[in-house]
Amino acid sequence: MGNVLFYTHTKEDLKRAVKMVLEELRKTEYIQETSLNPEEDRLTQKEAAKFLGISVTSLISWKKKKIVPYYQIGRSIFYSKKELLDLARKNAFVRKSRY
């Protein structure tokens, strides 16, 4: 009786389950990444554009369309490196623009 296997799920069911587990792991990994202090995490517009591999003009366009999160202190605009990495992980179009 110990060697009996039951096949009740399809290959697609298994793929969906693995994807769900990986997504949860990525969320946990992102939350646990605390090695950067706020000064190391902060990028200027020029630095953020270079980090993403796009032009500053494209970054500004994405900011206006609310595609990328940003922070404004006075007239200065800043981006979080952690949030940009998270955005790239979740959105294929950002990964494509980087490479």
PDB file of N, CA and C in Angstrom:
ATOM      1  N   MET A   1       0.826  -1.196   0.000  1.00  0.00           N
ATOM      2  CA  MET A   1       0.000   0.000   0.000  1.00  0.00           C
ATOM      3  C   MET A   1       0.869   1.258   0.000  1.00  0.00           C
ATOM      4  N   GLY A   2       2.112   1.189   0.518  1.00  0.00           N
ATOM      5  CA  GLY A   2       2.980   2.347   0.608  1.00  0.00           C
ATOM      6  C   GLY A   2       3.488   2.835  -0.739  1.00  0.00           C
ATOM      7  N   ASN A   3       3.461   2.015  -1.780  1.00  0.00           N
ATOM      8  CA  ASN A   3       3.977   2.397  -3.090  1.00  0.00           C
ATOM      9  C   ASN A   3       2.883   2.846  -4.057  1.00  0.00           C
ATOM     10  N   VAL A   4       1.678   3.011  -3.612  1.00  0.00           N
ATOM     11  CA  VAL A   4       0.563   3.369  -4.478  1.00  0.00           C
ATOM     12  C   VAL A   4       0.614   4.876  -4.768  1.00  0.00           C
ATOM     13  N   LEU A   5       0.544   5.234  -6.040  1.00  0.00           N
ATOM     14  CA  LEU A   5       0.512   6.637  -6.450  1.00  0.00           C
ATOM     15  C   LEU A   5      -0.854   6.946  -7.044  1.00  0.00           C
ATOM     16  N   PHE A   6      -1.365   8.112  -6.734  1.00  0.00           N
ATOM     17  CA  PHE A   6      -2.631   8.551  -7.300  1.00  0.00           C
ATOM     18  C   PHE A   6      -2.360   9.737  -8.211  1.00  0.00           C
ATOM     19  N   TYR A   7      -2.789   9.680  -9.437  1.00  0.00           N
ATOM     20  CA  TYR A   7      -2.619  10.773 -10.384  1.00  0.00           C
ATOM     21  C   TYR A   7      -3.955  11.493 -10.549  1.00  0.00           C
ATOM     22  N   THR A   8      -4.085  12.587  -9.842  1.00  0.00           N
ATOM     23  CA  THR A   8      -5.349  13.324  -9.891  1.00  0.00           C
ATOM     24  C   THR A   8      -5.191  14.707 -10.497  1.00  0.00           C
ATOM     25  N   HIS A   9      -3.949  15.078 -10.829  1.00  0.00           N
ATOM     26  CA  HIS A   9      -3.711  16.412 -11.366  1.00  0.00           C
ATOM     27  C   HIS A   9      -3.009  16.316 -12.710  1.00  0.00           C
ATOM     28  N   THR A  10      -3.324  17.269 -13.565  1.00  0.00           N
ATOM     29  CA  THR A  10      -2.688  17.285 -14.876  1.00  0.00           C
ATOM     30  C   THR A  10      -1.346  18.013 -14.793  1.00  0.00           C
ATOM     31  N   LYS A  11      -0.622  17.938 -15.864  1.00  0.00           N
ATOM     32  CA  LYS A  11       0.656  18.641 -15.949  1.00  0.00           C
ATOM     33  C   LYS A  11       0.440  20.150 -15.815  1.00  0.00           C
ATOM     34  N   GLU A  12      -0.639  20.656 -16.386  1.00  0.00           N
ATOM     35  CA  GLU A  12      -0.966  22.084 -16.288  1.00  0.00           C
ATOM     36  C   GLU A  12      -1.277  22.478 -14.842  1.00  0.00           C
ATOM     37  N   ASP A  13      -1.951  21.599 -14.103  1.00  0.00           N
ATOM     38  CA  ASP A  13      -2.213  21.853 -12.683  1.00  0.00           C
ATOM     39  C   ASP A  13      -0.898  21.993 -11.923  1.00  0.00           C
ATOM     40  N   LEU A  14       0.043  21.121 -12.210  1.00  0.00           N
ATOM     41  CA  LEU A  14       1.348  21.162 -11.559  1.00  0.00           C
ATOM     42  C   LEU A  14       2.085  22.459 -11.907  1.00  0.00           C
ATOM     43  N   LYS A  15       2.048  22.858 -13.179  1.00  0.00           N
ATOM     44  CA  LYS A  15       2.702  24.110 -13.598  1.00  0.00           C
ATOM     45  C   LYS A  15       2.103  25.307 -12.856  1.00  0.00           C
ATOM     46  N   ARG A  16       0.777  25.354 -12.751  1.00  0.00           N
ATOM     47  CA  ARG A  16       0.113  26.463 -12.041  1.00  0.00           C
ATOM     48  C   ARG A  16       0.527  26.490 -10.571  1.00  0.00           C
ATOM     49  N   ALA A  17       0.599  25.318  -9.956  1.00  0.00           N
ATOM     50  CA  ALA A  17       0.980  25.244  -8.543  1.00  0.00           C
ATOM     51  C   ALA A  17       2.419  25.722  -8.347  1.00  0.00           C
ATOM     52  N   VAL A  18       3.316  25.310  -9.230  1.00  0.00           N
ATOM     53  CA  VAL A  18       4.717  25.733  -9.125  1.00  0.00           C
ATOM     54  C   VAL A  18       4.825  27.239  -9.314  1.00  0.00           C
ATOM     55  N   LYS A  19       4.098  27.791 -10.275  1.00  0.00           N
ATOM     56  CA  LYS A  19       4.111  29.246 -10.498  1.00  0.00           C
ATOM     57  C   LYS A  19       3.631  29.996  -9.255  1.00  0.00           C
ATOM     58  N   MET A  20       2.577  29.490  -8.624  1.00  0.00           N
ATOM     59  CA  MET A  20       2.054  30.138  -7.422  1.00  0.00           C
ATOM     60  C   MET A  20       3.089  30.108  -6.300  1.00  0.00           C
ATOM     61  N   VAL A  21       3.757  28.980  -6.127  1.00  0.00           N
ATOM     62  CA  VAL A  21       4.780  28.862  -5.086  1.00  0.00           C
ATOM     63  C   VAL A  21       5.933  29.813  -5.371  1.00  0.00           C
ATOM     64  N   LEU A  22       6.383  29.874  -6.619  1.00  0.00           N
ATOM     65  CA  LEU A  22       7.482  30.774  -6.987  1.00  0.00           C
ATOM     66  C   LEU A  22       7.116  32.232  -6.751  1.00  0.00           C
ATOM     67  N   GLU A  23       5.896  32.612  -7.081  1.00  0.00           N
ATOM     68  CA  GLU A  23       5.462  33.994  -6.850  1.00  0.00           C
ATOM     69  C   GLU A  23       5.498  34.338  -5.360  1.00  0.00           C
ATOM     70  N   GLU A  24       5.042  33.415  -4.526  1.00  0.00           N
ATOM     71  CA  GLU A  24       5.077  33.644  -3.085  1.00  0.00           C
ATOM     72  C   GLU A  24       6.511  33.750  -2.578  1.00  0.00           C
ATOM     73  N   LEU A  25       7.393  32.917  -3.105  1.00  0.00           N
ATOM     74  CA  LEU A  25       8.803  32.986  -2.715  1.00  0.00           C
ATOM     75  C   LEU A  25       9.419  34.323  -3.126  1.00  0.00           C
ATOM     76  N   ARG A  26       9.089  34.799  -4.327  1.00  0.00           N
ATOM     77  CA  ARG A  26       9.618  36.084  -4.789  1.00  0.00           C
ATOM     78  C   ARG A  26       9.136  37.220  -3.891  1.00  0.00           C
ATOM     79  N   LYS A  27       7.887  37.177  -3.495  1.00  0.00           N
ATOM     80  CA  LYS A  27       7.359  38.212  -2.596  1.00  0.00           C
ATOM     81  C   LYS A  27       8.110  38.188  -1.272  1.00  0.00           C
ATOM     82  N   THR A  28       8.322  37.003  -0.740  1.00  0.00           N
ATOM     83  CA  THR A  28       9.043  36.857   0.522  1.00  0.00           C
ATOM     84  C   THR A  28      10.474  37.335   0.371  1.00  0.00           C
ATOM     85  N   GLU A  29      11.117  36.961  -0.725  1.00  0.00           N
ATOM     86  CA  GLU A  29      12.500  37.377  -0.986  1.00  0.00           C
ATOM     87  C   GLU A  29      12.587  38.896  -1.039  1.00  0.00           C
ATOM     88  N   TYR A  30      11.636  39.514  -1.706  1.00  0.00           N
ATOM     89  CA  TYR A  30      11.634  40.970  -1.827  1.00  0.00           C
ATOM     90  C   TYR A  30      11.469  41.628  -0.460  1.00  0.00           C
ATOM     91  N   ILE A  31      10.582  41.108   0.356  1.00  0.00           N
ATOM     92  CA  ILE A  31      10.329  41.679   1.675  1.00  0.00           C
ATOM     93  C   ILE A  31      11.562  41.521   2.568  1.00  0.00           C
ATOM     94  N   GLN A  32      12.267  40.405   2.452  1.00  0.00           N
ATOM     95  CA  GLN A  32      13.400  40.141   3.323  1.00  0.00           C
ATOM     96  C   GLN A  32      14.679  40.843   2.887  1.00  0.00           C
ATOM     97  N   GLU A  33      14.701  41.443   1.689  1.00  0.00           N
ATOM     98  CA  GLU A  33      15.889  42.159   1.231  1.00  0.00           C
ATOM     99  C   GLU A  33      15.993  43.480   1.983  1.00  0.00           C
ATOM    100  N   THR A  34      16.792  43.495   3.026  1.00  0.00           N
ATOM    101  CA  THR A  34      16.932  44.705   3.828  1.00  0.00           C
ATOM    102  C   THR A  34      18.377  45.154   3.916  1.00  0.00           C
ATOM    103  N   SER A  35      19.220  44.627   3.032  1.00  0.00           N
ATOM    104  CA  SER A  35      20.639  44.948   3.110  1.00  0.00           C
ATOM    105  C   SER A  35      20.951  46.370   2.642  1.00  0.00           C
ATOM    106  N   LEU A  36      20.085  46.972   1.837  1.00  0.00           N
ATOM    107  CA  LEU A  36      20.325  48.321   1.357  1.00  0.00           C
ATOM    108  C   LEU A  36      19.806  49.344   2.361  1.00  0.00           C
ATOM    109  N   ASN A  37      20.636  50.323   2.673  1.00  0.00           N
ATOM    110  CA  ASN A  37      20.124  51.409   3.490  1.00  0.00           C
ATOM    111  C   ASN A  37      19.463  52.416   2.558  1.00  0.00           C
ATOM    112  N   PRO A  38      18.660  53.324   3.066  1.00  0.00           N
ATOM    113  CA  PRO A  38      17.903  54.240   2.212  1.00  0.00           C
ATOM    114  C   PRO A  38      18.759  55.032   1.218  1.00  0.00           C
ATOM    115  N   GLU A  39      19.970  55.410   1.607  1.00  0.00           N
ATOM    116  CA  GLU A  39      20.814  56.173   0.698  1.00  0.00           C
ATOM    117  C   GLU A  39      21.277  55.324  -0.482  1.00  0.00           C
ATOM    118  N   GLU A  40      21.549  54.041  -0.258  1.00  0.00           N
ATOM    119  CA  GLU A  40      21.968  53.149  -1.337  1.00  0.00           C
ATOM    120  C   GLU A  40      20.810  52.781  -2.248  1.00  0.00           C
ATOM    121  N   ASP A  41      19.597  52.811  -1.724  1.00  0.00           N
ATOM    122  CA  ASP A  41      18.415  52.435  -2.492  1.00  0.00           C
ATOM    123  C   ASP A  41      17.940  53.576  -3.390  1.00  0.00           C
ATOM    124  N   ARG A  42      18.275  54.790  -3.079  1.00  0.00           N
ATOM    125  CA  ARG A  42      17.763  55.965  -3.785  1.00  0.00           C
ATOM    126  C   ARG A  42      18.547  56.225  -5.067  1.00  0.00           C
ATOM    127  N   LEU A  43      17.815  56.365  -6.186  1.00  0.00           N
ATOM    128  CA  LEU A  43      18.423  56.657  -7.480  1.00  0.00           C
ATOM    129  C   LEU A  43      17.855  57.954  -8.038  1.00  0.00           C
ATOM    130  N   THR A  44      18.704  58.740  -8.693  1.00  0.00           N
ATOM    131  CA  THR A  44      18.222  59.918  -9.402  1.00  0.00           C
ATOM    132  C   THR A  44      17.556  59.449 -10.699  1.00  0.00           C
ATOM    133  N   GLN A  45      16.920  60.371 -11.417  1.00  0.00           N
ATOM    134  CA  GLN A  45      16.294  59.996 -12.692  1.00  0.00           C
ATOM    135  C   GLN A  45      17.326  59.444 -13.661  1.00  0.00           C
ATOM    136  N   LYS A  46      18.468  60.096 -13.743  1.00  0.00           N
ATOM    137  CA  LYS A  46      19.518  59.652 -14.661  1.00  0.00           C
ATOM    138  C   LYS A  46      20.024  58.258 -14.277  1.00  0.00           C
ATOM    139  N   GLU A  47      20.245  58.039 -12.975  1.00  0.00           N
ATOM    140  CA  GLU A  47      20.706  56.732 -12.497  1.00  0.00           C
ATOM    141  C   GLU A  47      19.654  55.649 -12.721  1.00  0.00           C
ATOM    142  N   ALA A  48      18.394  55.990 -12.477  1.00  0.00           N
ATOM    143  CA  ALA A  48      17.306  55.017 -12.660  1.00  0.00           C
ATOM    144  C   ALA A  48      17.164  54.635 -14.129  1.00  0.00           C
ATOM    145  N   ALA A  49      17.268  55.609 -15.021  1.00  0.00           N
ATOM    146  CA  ALA A  49      17.178  55.329 -16.455  1.00  0.00           C
ATOM    147  C   ALA A  49      18.317  54.406 -16.882  1.00  0.00           C
ATOM    148  N   LYS A  50      19.523  54.692 -16.422  1.00  0.00           N
ATOM    149  CA  LYS A  50      20.668  53.846 -16.741  1.00  0.00           C
ATOM    150  C   LYS A  50      20.481  52.446 -16.164  1.00  0.00           C
ATOM    151  N   PHE A  51      19.992  52.362 -14.932  1.00  0.00           N
ATOM    152  CA  PHE A  51      19.742  51.085 -14.268  1.00  0.00           C
ATOM    153  C   PHE A  51      18.766  50.228 -15.076  1.00  0.00           C
ATOM    154  N   LEU A  52      17.716  50.866 -15.642  1.00  0.00           N
ATOM    155  CA  LEU A  52      16.713  50.151 -16.428  1.00  0.00           C
ATOM    156  C   LEU A  52      17.124  49.965 -17.883  1.00  0.00           C
ATOM    157  N   GLY A  53      18.183  50.657 -18.302  1.00  0.00           N
ATOM    158  CA  GLY A  53      18.629  50.547 -19.692  1.00  0.00           C
ATOM    159  C   GLY A  53      17.732  51.291 -20.657  1.00  0.00           C
ATOM    160  N   ILE A  54      17.152  52.400 -20.207  1.00  0.00           N
ATOM    161  CA  ILE A  54      16.276  53.208 -21.056  1.00  0.00           C
ATOM    162  C   ILE A  54      16.750  54.658 -21.003  1.00  0.00           C
ATOM    163  N   SER A  55      16.162  55.495 -21.841  1.00  0.00           N
ATOM    164  CA  SER A  55      16.516  56.911 -21.826  1.00  0.00           C
ATOM    165  C   SER A  55      15.792  57.620 -20.685  1.00  0.00           C
ATOM    166  N   VAL A  56      16.309  58.769 -20.303  1.00  0.00           N
ATOM    167  CA  VAL A  56      15.648  59.572 -19.272  1.00  0.00           C
ATOM    168  C   VAL A  56      14.263  59.983 -19.761  1.00  0.00           C
ATOM    169  N   THR A  57      14.155  60.284 -21.052  1.00  0.00           N
ATOM    170  CA  THR A  57      12.858  60.661 -21.639  1.00  0.00           C
ATOM    171  C   THR A  57      11.840  59.537 -21.470  1.00  0.00           C
ATOM    172  N   SER A  58      12.267  58.298 -21.725  1.00  0.00           N
ATOM    173  CA  SER A  58      11.359  57.150 -21.544  1.00  0.00           C
ATOM    174  C   SER A  58      10.966  56.997 -20.082  1.00  0.00           C
ATOM    175  N   LEU A  59      11.933  57.166 -19.191  1.00  0.00           N
ATOM    176  CA  LEU A  59      11.641  57.060 -17.762  1.00  0.00           C
ATOM    177  C   LEU A  59      10.621  58.109 -17.337  1.00  0.00           C
ATOM    178  N   ILE A  60      10.793  59.330 -17.801  1.00  0.00           N
ATOM    179  CA  ILE A  60       9.841  60.398 -17.472  1.00  0.00           C
ATOM    180  C   ILE A  60       8.455  60.053 -18.012  1.00  0.00           C
ATOM    181  N   SER A  61       8.412  59.490 -19.219  1.00  0.00           N
ATOM    182  CA  SER A  61       7.129  59.073 -19.806  1.00  0.00           C
ATOM    183  C   SER A  61       6.484  57.981 -18.960  1.00  0.00           C
ATOM    184  N   TRP A  62       7.277  57.005 -18.519  1.00  0.00           N
ATOM    185  CA  TRP A  62       6.753  55.936 -17.663  1.00  0.00           C
ATOM    186  C   TRP A  62       6.264  56.509 -16.343  1.00  0.00           C
ATOM    187  N   LYS A  63       6.986  57.492 -15.825  1.00  0.00           N
ATOM    188  CA  LYS A  63       6.582  58.121 -14.556  1.00  0.00           C
ATOM    189  C   LYS A  63       5.230  58.801 -14.717  1.00  0.00           C
ATOM    190  N   LYS A  64       5.059  59.546 -15.817  1.00  0.00           N
ATOM    191  CA  LYS A  64       3.791  60.246 -16.066  1.00  0.00           C
ATOM    192  C   LYS A  64       2.638  59.276 -16.249  1.00  0.00           C
ATOM    193  N   LYS A  65       2.924  58.111 -16.837  1.00  0.00           N
ATOM    194  CA  LYS A  65       1.898  57.087 -17.046  1.00  0.00           C
ATOM    195  C   LYS A  65       1.697  56.220 -15.807  1.00  0.00           C
ATOM    196  N   LYS A  66       2.453  56.535 -14.735  1.00  0.00           N
ATOM    197  CA  LYS A  66       2.390  55.799 -13.464  1.00  0.00           C
ATOM    198  C   LYS A  66       2.802  54.329 -13.617  1.00  0.00           C
ATOM    199  N   ILE A  67       3.750  54.072 -14.519  1.00  0.00           N
ATOM    200  CA  ILE A  67       4.284  52.727 -14.702  1.00  0.00           C
ATOM    201  C   ILE A  67       5.357  52.445 -13.659  1.00  0.00           C
ATOM    202  N   VAL A  68       6.159  53.464 -13.348  1.00  0.00           N
ATOM    203  CA  VAL A  68       7.230  53.298 -12.356  1.00  0.00           C
ATOM    204  C   VAL A  68       6.920  54.129 -11.118  1.00  0.00           C
ATOM    205  N   PRO A  69       7.152  53.558  -9.930  1.00  0.00           N
ATOM    206  CA  PRO A  69       6.957  54.331  -8.697  1.00  0.00           C
ATOM    207  C   PRO A  69       8.116  55.312  -8.511  1.00  0.00           C
ATOM    208  N   TYR A  70       7.818  56.479  -7.954  1.00  0.00           N
ATOM    209  CA  TYR A  70       8.855  57.476  -7.708  1.00  0.00           C
ATOM    210  C   TYR A  70       8.497  58.281  -6.474  1.00  0.00           C
ATOM    211  N   TYR A  71       9.478  59.048  -6.020  1.00  0.00           N
ATOM    212  CA  TYR A  71       9.295  59.901  -4.847  1.00  0.00           C
ATOM    213  C   TYR A  71       9.764  61.297  -5.204  1.00  0.00           C
ATOM    214  N   GLN A  72       9.089  62.271  -4.672  1.00  0.00           N
ATOM    215  CA  GLN A  72       9.473  63.655  -4.926  1.00  0.00           C
ATOM    216  C   GLN A  72       9.720  64.356  -3.606  1.00  0.00           C
ATOM    217  N   ILE A  73      10.925  64.932  -3.495  1.00  0.00           N
ATOM    218  CA  ILE A  73      11.289  65.723  -2.325  1.00  0.00           C
ATOM    219  C   ILE A  73      11.610  67.116  -2.853  1.00  0.00           C
ATOM    220  N   GLY A  74      10.720  68.046  -2.588  1.00  0.00           N
ATOM    221  CA  GLY A  74      10.864  69.369  -3.188  1.00  0.00           C
ATOM    222  C   GLY A  74      10.694  69.233  -4.692  1.00  0.00           C
ATOM    223  N   ARG A  75      11.698  69.673  -5.441  1.00  0.00           N
ATOM    224  CA  ARG A  75      11.645  69.546  -6.902  1.00  0.00           C
ATOM    225  C   ARG A  75      12.422  68.327  -7.392  1.00  0.00           C
ATOM    226  N   SER A  76      13.083  67.623  -6.486  1.00  0.00           N
ATOM    227  CA  SER A  76      13.908  66.470  -6.858  1.00  0.00           C
ATOM    228  C   SER A  76      13.073  65.198  -6.940  1.00  0.00           C
ATOM    229  N   ILE A  77      13.319  64.409  -7.981  1.00  0.00           N
ATOM    230  CA  ILE A  77      12.638  63.136  -8.195  1.00  0.00           C
ATOM    231  C   ILE A  77      13.626  62.015  -7.882  1.00  0.00           C
ATOM    232  N   PHE A  78      13.171  61.013  -7.126  1.00  0.00           N
ATOM    233  CA  PHE A  78      14.000  59.863  -6.786  1.00  0.00           C
ATOM    234  C   PHE A  78      13.233  58.581  -7.062  1.00  0.00           C
ATOM    235  N   TYR A  79      13.983  57.504  -7.289  1.00  0.00           N
ATOM    236  CA  TYR A  79      13.422  56.181  -7.520  1.00  0.00           C
ATOM    237  C   TYR A  79      14.071  55.205  -6.555  1.00  0.00           C
ATOM    238  N   SER A  80      13.334  54.179  -6.170  1.00  0.00           N
ATOM    239  CA  SER A  80      13.848  53.140  -5.289  1.00  0.00           C
ATOM    240  C   SER A  80      14.385  51.989  -6.140  1.00  0.00           C
ATOM    241  N   LYS A  81      15.643  51.635  -5.919  1.00  0.00           N
ATOM    242  CA  LYS A  81      16.249  50.525  -6.656  1.00  0.00           C
ATOM    243  C   LYS A  81      15.474  49.234  -6.395  1.00  0.00           C
ATOM    244  N   LYS A  82      15.075  49.004  -5.140  1.00  0.00           N
ATOM    245  CA  LYS A  82      14.302  47.806  -4.800  1.00  0.00           C
ATOM    246  C   LYS A  82      12.990  47.760  -5.579  1.00  0.00           C
ATOM    247  N   GLU A  83      12.305  48.898  -5.647  1.00  0.00           N
ATOM    248  CA  GLU A  83      11.013  48.928  -6.340  1.00  0.00           C
ATOM    249  C   GLU A  83      11.189  48.751  -7.844  1.00  0.00           C
ATOM    250  N   LEU A  84      12.272  49.281  -8.408  1.00  0.00           N
ATOM    251  CA  LEU A  84      12.531  49.087  -9.833  1.00  0.00           C
ATOM    252  C   LEU A  84      12.846  47.617 -10.127  1.00  0.00           C
ATOM    253  N   LEU A  85      13.603  46.973  -9.243  1.00  0.00           N
ATOM    254  CA  LEU A  85      13.879  45.544  -9.411  1.00  0.00           C
ATOM    255  C   LEU A  85      12.594  44.731  -9.336  1.00  0.00           C
ATOM    256  N   ASP A  86      11.740  45.065  -8.393  1.00  0.00           N
ATOM    257  CA  ASP A  86      10.465  44.373  -8.250  1.00  0.00           C
ATOM    258  C   ASP A  86       9.614  44.569  -9.506  1.00  0.00           C
ATOM    259  N   LEU A  87       9.596  45.780 -10.025  1.00  0.00           N
ATOM    260  CA  LEU A  87       8.851  46.075 -11.249  1.00  0.00           C
ATOM    261  C   LEU A  87       9.382  45.232 -12.404  1.00  0.00           C
ATOM    262  N   ALA A  88      10.707  45.133 -12.519  1.00  0.00           N
ATOM    263  CA  ALA A  88      11.308  44.349 -13.596  1.00  0.00           C
ATOM    264  C   ALA A  88      10.980  42.863 -13.460  1.00  0.00           C
ATOM    265  N   ARG A  89      10.926  42.371 -12.214  1.00  0.00           N
ATOM    266  CA  ARG A  89      10.588  40.959 -11.998  1.00  0.00           C
ATOM    267  C   ARG A  89       9.159  40.656 -12.427  1.00  0.00           C
ATOM    268  N   LYS A  90       8.271  41.598 -12.212  1.00  0.00           N
ATOM    269  CA  LYS A  90       6.850  41.358 -12.455  1.00  0.00           C
ATOM    270  C   LYS A  90       6.398  41.727 -13.865  1.00  0.00           C
ATOM    271  N   ASN A  91       7.197  42.500 -14.605  1.00  0.00           N
ATOM    272  CA  ASN A  91       6.762  42.996 -15.909  1.00  0.00           C
ATOM    273  C   ASN A  91       7.793  42.703 -16.989  1.00  0.00           C
ATOM    274  N   ALA A  92       7.393  41.895 -17.962  1.00  0.00           N
ATOM    275  CA  ALA A  92       8.307  41.491 -19.027  1.00  0.00           C
ATOM    276  C   ALA A  92       8.775  42.686 -19.862  1.00  0.00           C
ATOM    277  N   PHE A  93       7.927  43.690 -20.055  1.00  0.00           N
ATOM    278  CA  PHE A  93       8.333  44.818 -20.901  1.00  0.00           C
ATOM    279  C   PHE A  93       9.509  45.577 -20.306  1.00  0.00           C
ATOM    280  N   VAL A  94       9.640  45.589 -18.973  1.00  0.00           N
ATOM    281  CA  VAL A  94      10.778  46.248 -18.341  1.00  0.00           C
ATOM    282  C   VAL A  94      12.032  45.426 -18.550  1.00  0.00           C
ATOM    283  N   ARG A  95      11.916  44.119 -18.421  1.00  0.00           N
ATOM    284  CA  ARG A  95      13.075  43.238 -18.643  1.00  0.00           C
ATOM    285  C   ARG A  95      13.554  43.355 -20.075  1.00  0.00           C
ATOM    286  N   LYS A  96      12.633  43.440 -21.028  1.00  0.00           N
ATOM    287  CA  LYS A  96      13.003  43.553 -22.448  1.00  0.00           C
ATOM    288  C   LYS A  96      13.742  44.850 -22.707  1.00  0.00           C
ATOM    289  N   SER A  97      13.339  45.913 -22.033  1.00  0.00           N
ATOM    290  CA  SER A  97      13.993  47.203 -22.258  1.00  0.00           C
ATOM    291  C   SER A  97      15.400  47.218 -21.683  1.00  0.00           C
ATOM    292  N   ARG A  98      15.647  46.395 -20.686  1.00  0.00           N
ATOM    293  CA  ARG A  98      16.984  46.352 -20.063  1.00  0.00           C
ATOM    294  C   ARG A  98      17.982  45.608 -20.927  1.00  0.00           C
ATOM    295  N   TYR A  99      17.545  44.640 -21.691  1.00  0.00           N
ATOM    296  CA  TYR A  99      18.493  43.763 -22.386  1.00  0.00           C
ATOM    297  C   TYR A  99      18.350  43.862 -23.881  1.00  0.00           C
TER     298      TYR A  99
END
